[in-house]
Protein backbone atom coordinates (compact mmCIF):
# COMPACT_ATOMS: atom_id res chain seq x y z
CA MET A 1 -14.28 3.58 12.92
CA GLU A 2 -13.97 6.86 11.91
CA ASN A 3 -14.22 7.54 8.00
CA THR A 4 -12.66 10.74 6.96
CA LYS A 5 -10.91 12.20 3.71
CA ASN A 6 -8.77 14.52 5.13
CA SER A 7 -6.84 13.27 8.49
CA GLN A 8 -4.41 14.66 11.35
CA ILE A 9 -2.21 11.88 10.61
CA ASN A 10 -0.59 12.97 7.26
CA ILE A 11 2.33 10.98 6.38
CA PRO A 12 4.41 10.55 3.36
CA ASP A 13 3.66 7.78 1.44
CA ILE A 14 5.95 4.87 0.47
CA ARG A 15 5.46 5.13 -2.99
CA GLN A 16 7.24 8.27 -2.72
CA SER A 17 10.37 6.80 -1.22
CA PRO A 18 13.61 6.30 -2.90
CA ASN A 19 13.41 2.53 -2.32
CA TRP A 20 9.97 2.38 -4.19
CA SER A 21 11.58 4.00 -6.99
CA ARG A 22 14.40 1.80 -7.16
CA TYR A 23 12.05 -0.93 -7.03
CA LEU A 24 10.34 0.50 -9.94
CA ASN A 25 13.35 1.17 -11.63
CA TRP A 26 13.73 -2.89 -11.70
CA ILE A 27 10.58 -3.23 -13.18
CA GLY A 28 10.86 -1.19 -15.70
CA TRP A 29 9.74 2.76 -15.02
CA ASN A 30 12.25 5.54 -14.89
CA SER A 31 12.46 7.63 -12.35
CA TYR A 32 12.66 12.05 -11.97
CA LEU A 33 12.86 13.67 -8.62
CA THR A 34 11.68 16.99 -8.81
CA SER A 35 13.42 20.05 -7.36
CA PHE A 36 10.51 20.18 -5.05
CA GLY A 37 11.20 16.42 -4.18
CA VAL A 38 8.38 14.85 -6.22
CA ASN A 39 8.73 10.90 -7.50
CA VAL A 40 8.12 11.42 -11.20
CA GLU A 41 7.64 7.46 -12.64
CA ILE A 42 7.86 7.05 -16.74
CA MET A 43 7.35 3.86 -18.55
CA LYS A 44 8.53 4.52 -22.26
CA ILE A 45 6.58 2.45 -24.56
CA LYS A 46 7.00 2.53 -28.38
CA ILE A 47 4.30 5.24 -28.98
CA GLY A 48 5.24 7.42 -26.48
CA GLY A 49 5.37 7.52 -22.00
CA LEU A 50 3.41 7.06 -19.66
CA VAL A 51 3.57 9.14 -16.24
CA LYS A 52 2.70 8.55 -12.82
CA VAL A 53 2.84 10.45 -9.62
CA GLN A 54 1.61 8.65 -6.42
CA HIS A 55 0.57 9.89 -3.58
CA PRO A 56 2.88 12.87 -3.46
CA LYS A 57 2.67 15.73 -0.68
CA PRO A 58 0.15 18.55 -1.63
CA LEU A 59 1.37 19.62 -5.00
CA THR A 60 1.87 23.20 -5.72
CA SER A 61 1.48 24.79 -9.23
CA GLY A 62 5.32 25.04 -9.17
CA ASP A 63 5.15 21.43 -8.82
CA LEU A 64 2.77 20.79 -11.59
CA GLU A 65 4.72 22.80 -14.45
CA GLU A 66 7.98 20.51 -13.62
CA ILE A 67 5.64 17.66 -13.91
CA GLU A 68 4.40 19.23 -17.33
CA LYS A 69 8.00 19.88 -18.52
CA ILE A 70 9.14 16.22 -17.65
CA ALA A 71 6.08 14.79 -19.62
CA LEU A 72 6.81 17.11 -22.23
CA GLU A 73 10.64 15.81 -22.44
CA ASN A 74 9.24 12.28 -22.26
CA ASN A 75 6.46 12.57 -25.22
CA ALA A 76 4.15 11.46 -22.50
CA MET A 77 0.51 10.36 -23.86
CA PHE A 78 -0.69 11.28 -20.81
CA VAL A 79 0.06 12.25 -16.79
CA LYS A 80 -2.08 10.19 -14.39
CA ILE A 81 -1.87 11.76 -10.46
CA GLU A 82 -3.10 10.18 -7.42
CA PRO A 83 -3.18 12.72 -5.17
CA HIS A 84 -2.59 12.59 -1.44
CA ILE A 85 -5.36 13.23 1.24
CA SER A 86 -4.43 17.21 1.80
CA GLN A 87 -4.20 17.76 -2.18
CA ASP A 88 -6.13 21.08 -3.39
CA ILE A 89 -7.87 19.24 -5.74
CA SER A 90 -8.62 22.73 -7.73
CA LEU A 91 -5.47 23.32 -8.60
CA LEU A 92 -4.81 20.00 -10.61
CA GLU A 93 -8.44 20.80 -12.55
CA SER A 94 -7.11 24.29 -13.18
CA ALA A 95 -4.19 22.74 -14.77
CA GLY A 96 -6.14 20.79 -17.12
CA TYR A 97 -6.70 17.41 -15.39
CA ILE A 98 -9.87 15.36 -15.02
CA ILE A 99 -11.02 12.76 -12.96
CA SER A 100 -10.16 9.06 -13.34
CA LEU A 101 -11.92 6.23 -12.52
CA SER A 102 -8.82 3.71 -12.83
CA PRO A 103 -6.76 3.56 -9.67
CA LEU A 104 -3.37 1.94 -9.57
CA SER A 105 -2.63 1.85 -5.89
CA PRO A 106 -5.33 1.11 -3.00
CA PRO A 107 -7.63 4.28 -3.08
CA SER A 108 -8.60 3.77 0.30
CA THR A 109 -6.85 2.60 3.70
CA ILE A 110 -6.82 2.65 7.37
CA TYR A 111 -4.28 4.52 9.40
CA ILE A 112 -3.27 2.89 12.62
CA ASN A 113 -2.08 5.40 15.38
CA LEU A 114 1.15 3.84 16.75
CA ALA A 115 1.90 6.76 18.88
CA LEU A 116 -1.29 5.54 21.18
CA ASP A 117 0.19 3.82 24.32
CA GLU A 118 0.02 -0.21 24.41
CA LYS A 119 -3.54 -0.19 26.53
CA ASN A 120 -5.34 2.24 24.22
CA LEU A 121 -4.19 0.29 20.82
CA LEU A 122 -5.81 -2.57 22.53
CA LYS A 123 -8.73 -0.70 23.32
CA LYS A 124 -9.33 0.09 19.60
CA ILE A 125 -9.15 -3.60 18.47
CA SER A 126 -12.71 -4.71 17.83
CA LYS A 127 -14.55 -7.28 20.64
CA SER A 128 -14.02 -10.40 18.00
CA GLY A 129 -10.20 -9.24 17.52
CA ARG A 130 -9.33 -9.12 21.25
CA TYR A 131 -10.84 -12.62 21.33
CA SER A 132 -8.94 -13.65 18.20
CA ILE A 133 -5.64 -12.75 19.46
CA ARG A 134 -6.22 -14.08 23.37
CA ARG A 135 -7.66 -17.70 21.59
CA ALA A 136 -4.20 -17.81 19.50
CA GLY A 137 -2.22 -17.40 22.56
CA LYS A 138 -3.82 -19.91 24.35
CA GLU A 139 -3.71 -22.22 21.70
CA GLY A 140 0.28 -21.51 22.14
CA ALA A 141 0.80 -19.43 18.67
CA GLU A 142 4.26 -17.97 18.31
CA VAL A 143 5.59 -15.12 16.54
CA LYS A 144 8.88 -14.76 15.14
CA PHE A 145 9.99 -11.38 13.20
CA TYR A 146 12.94 -11.43 10.42
CA PRO A 147 14.37 -8.05 9.64
CA ASN A 148 15.56 -7.90 6.52
CA PRO A 149 14.94 -11.50 5.54
CA ASP A 150 17.02 -13.80 3.94
CA PRO A 151 16.27 -16.08 0.86
CA GLU A 152 15.03 -18.53 3.22
CA ILE A 153 12.70 -16.67 5.20
CA LEU A 154 11.13 -15.30 1.92
CA GLU A 155 10.75 -18.44 0.48
CA LYS A 156 8.95 -19.52 3.28
CA PHE A 157 7.14 -16.52 3.02
CA TYR A 158 6.05 -16.32 -0.83
CA GLU A 159 5.25 -19.98 -0.94
CA LEU A 160 2.52 -19.70 1.98
CA MET A 161 1.01 -16.18 0.16
CA ARG A 162 0.98 -18.31 -2.97
CA ARG A 163 -0.94 -20.93 -1.38
CA SER A 164 -3.39 -18.57 0.34
CA ALA A 165 -3.87 -16.22 -2.62
CA LYS A 166 -4.82 -18.92 -4.74
CA LYS A 167 -7.66 -20.60 -2.51
CA GLN A 168 -8.95 -16.71 -2.32
CA GLY A 169 -8.91 -16.42 -5.90
CA PHE A 170 -6.46 -13.79 -6.35
CA SER A 171 -3.09 -13.70 -8.37
CA VAL A 172 0.53 -12.94 -7.02
CA GLN A 173 3.70 -11.22 -8.33
CA SER A 174 6.38 -13.72 -8.87
CA PHE A 175 9.03 -14.49 -6.15
CA GLU A 176 11.85 -12.34 -8.10
CA ASP A 177 9.40 -9.39 -7.78
CA LEU A 178 9.13 -10.19 -3.80
CA LYS A 179 12.87 -10.60 -3.55
CA LYS A 180 13.50 -7.38 -4.99
CA LYS A 181 11.60 -5.44 -2.63
CA ALA A 182 13.60 -6.99 0.10
CA GLU A 183 16.05 -6.48 -1.39
CA VAL A 184 15.79 -2.54 -2.25
CA PHE A 185 14.27 -1.74 1.09
CA GLY A 186 17.01 -4.11 3.03
CA GLU A 187 16.64 -3.17 6.83
CA GLU A 188 13.24 -1.44 6.21
CA CYS A 189 11.48 -4.95 5.22
CA THR A 190 10.44 -7.27 7.54
CA VAL A 191 8.97 -10.67 7.38
CA VAL A 192 6.57 -12.17 10.43
CA LEU A 193 5.86 -15.60 10.51
CA GLY A 194 3.56 -17.01 12.57
CA TYR A 195 3.74 -21.07 14.24
CA ASP A 196 1.66 -23.38 16.21
CA SER A 197 3.03 -24.84 19.49
CA ARG A 198 4.46 -27.63 17.44
CA GLY A 199 6.63 -25.21 15.33
CA GLU A 200 3.91 -25.96 12.13
CA LEU A 201 3.81 -22.56 9.98
CA THR A 202 0.80 -20.86 10.42
CA GLY A 203 0.84 -17.37 8.43
CA GLY A 204 3.22 -14.39 7.63
CA LYS A 205 3.23 -10.96 7.28
CA PHE A 206 5.57 -8.78 4.80
CA PHE A 207 5.90 -5.20 5.96
CA LEU A 208 8.10 -2.04 4.41
CA THR A 209 8.85 1.15 6.20
CA TYR A 210 9.73 4.50 5.36
CA GLU A 211 10.74 7.36 7.67
CA LYS A 212 8.00 6.93 10.68
CA ALA A 213 5.61 4.76 9.08
CA VAL A 214 4.96 1.12 8.61
CA TRP A 215 3.16 -0.32 5.33
CA TYR A 216 1.54 -3.71 5.50
CA VAL A 217 1.84 -5.08 2.04
CA HIS A 218 1.67 -8.71 1.79
CA ALA A 219 -0.03 -11.62 4.17
CA GLY A 220 -1.24 -15.42 3.93
CA THR A 221 -2.72 -17.96 6.17
CA THR A 222 -2.39 -21.64 5.94
CA GLU A 223 -5.11 -23.71 6.55
CA LEU A 224 -4.03 -24.38 10.02
CA GLY A 225 -3.48 -20.55 11.05
CA ARG A 226 -7.05 -20.39 10.06
CA LYS A 227 -8.15 -22.44 12.59
CA LEU A 228 -6.05 -20.82 15.26
CA ASP A 229 -6.90 -17.19 14.57
CA ALA A 230 -3.37 -16.72 14.15
CA GLY A 231 -3.72 -13.81 11.78
CA HIS A 232 -4.96 -11.80 14.61
CA LYS A 233 -1.50 -12.46 16.89
CA MET A 234 0.56 -11.74 14.30
CA MET A 235 -1.04 -8.29 13.65
CA TRP A 236 -1.11 -7.31 16.95
CA GLU A 237 2.34 -8.53 18.04
CA SER A 238 3.29 -6.68 14.43
CA LEU A 239 1.74 -3.14 15.97
CA VAL A 240 3.33 -3.36 19.13
CA ARG A 241 6.83 -4.45 17.89
CA PHE A 242 7.05 -1.64 15.48
CA LYS A 243 5.46 0.76 18.27
CA ASN A 244 8.16 -0.05 20.24
CA LEU A 245 10.64 0.84 17.37
CA GLY A 246 9.57 4.24 16.99
CA TYR A 247 6.96 3.97 14.35
CA THR A 248 4.29 5.97 14.55
CA VAL A 249 2.07 4.77 12.00
CA MET A 250 0.74 1.42 10.45
CA ASP A 251 -0.90 1.79 6.99
CA MET A 252 -3.08 -0.96 6.65
CA ASP A 253 -2.46 -0.39 2.53
CA GLY A 254 -5.48 -0.93 1.12
CA ILE A 255 -9.51 -1.50 2.02
CA ASP A 256 -12.21 -1.91 -0.34
CA ASP A 257 -13.70 1.52 -1.33
CA ASP A 258 -17.38 1.57 -3.02
CA ARG A 259 -16.25 4.38 -5.55
CA PHE A 260 -14.39 2.04 -7.40
CA PRO A 261 -16.13 -1.44 -7.10
CA ILE A 262 -14.54 -3.06 -10.05
CA PHE A 263 -10.77 -2.40 -8.88
CA THR A 264 -11.61 -3.64 -5.29
CA LYS A 265 -14.97 -6.50 -5.35
CA LYS A 266 -12.54 -9.15 -4.20
CA TRP A 267 -11.15 -7.38 -1.06
CA GLY A 268 -14.04 -7.96 1.52
CA GLY A 269 -12.25 -10.34 3.32
CA PHE A 270 -8.85 -9.20 3.96
CA SER A 271 -11.05 -5.90 4.62
CA TYR A 272 -12.88 -6.87 7.32
CA PHE A 273 -9.80 -8.47 9.06
CA LYS A 274 -8.04 -4.90 8.66
CA GLU A 275 -10.93 -2.97 9.81
CA LYS A 276 -10.84 -5.01 13.29
CA PHE A 277 -7.80 -3.29 14.37
CA GLY A 278 -9.41 -0.03 14.60
CA GLY A 279 -7.69 3.07 13.16
CA GLU A 280 -8.84 5.81 10.79
CA VAL A 281 -10.58 5.16 7.66
CA ILE A 282 -8.12 7.38 4.46
CA ARG A 283 -10.54 7.64 1.47
CA PHE A 284 -7.80 9.23 -1.03
CA PRO A 285 -8.85 11.87 -3.94
CA TYR A 286 -10.14 10.31 -7.06
CA PRO A 287 -7.10 10.10 -9.58
CA TYR A 288 -6.98 12.67 -11.55
CA ILE A 289 -5.30 12.41 -15.77
CA LYS A 290 -4.38 14.75 -18.18
CA TYR A 291 -3.55 13.36 -21.76
CA HIS A 292 -1.25 14.94 -23.77
CA SER A 293 -1.97 12.42 -26.56
CA LYS A 294 -4.18 14.09 -29.36
CA PHE A 295 -5.81 10.60 -30.01
CA LEU A 296 -6.88 10.12 -26.63
CA LYS A 297 -7.92 13.93 -26.08
CA PHE A 298 -10.28 13.36 -28.86
CA LEU A 299 -11.77 10.12 -27.44
CA ALA A 300 -12.21 11.52 -23.59
CA LYS A 301 -14.70 14.22 -24.83
CA TYR A 302 -16.69 11.23 -25.96
CA ARG A 303 -16.29 8.61 -22.90
CA MET A 304 -14.23 8.04 -19.66
CA LEU A 305 -11.32 6.57 -20.51
CA PRO A 306 -10.00 3.42 -18.68
CA LEU A 307 -6.60 4.83 -17.34
């Protein structure tokens, strides 16, 4: 598998989509759209504002000036930028930003090229991955797609995701959080559920789309699903379906990253699963932060803050 910082596949990130801003508004963030089309998100707290800009298009000096103005108008304590892969980092550094070791979103991911024909898409999958897909098929595993899922489908998916996460030692957000994502994305949200030959649930996946790209956001597998390798068949059929719908890239939305061992320390298992499907490993640049609070500026002189 190719490992790169820069990629010929360059997609706008879902965290820059209008729907993602609507979701963040529900959580409590305030959204600003700059004149250059960059989403700037601000959380107001008693002592100031927290500003984040996640995976925007390559920022220019004009973008940074406008972000700075928004930050000052909102009494920002700091501005956190998570650059996209093609960002000129020297521009951030010359504007007073320094490296942060505390990412807010996955610092590395995998892009799967859905523009490939089905035969070559399958070839990219590892030998063990292709075996698992065939095995699940022979066991009678079925896959069903639910675009713009209704509450009943969301509840089914959430419960299996919750149980799967508990078994693996992960925490999950509330059902209301999942429901809000599905609500704001509407037809751009798809739940995929897997069943065995008797109709028993084996697992599920939750995808969001933006422009021509797909994000693999949540997943869960039952004990039965693990025995049947059902997750591999669900992923393969999802790749084919989204390809046939005209999407060109699937972002696997996070794999482990040795630059951030604490942030990604539990990601080994699902990273191994994602890596089986081939694709291009993307390592985003380090996050960058600029302090506006005099107190935080003072502390940052002596140590790297966990911000």
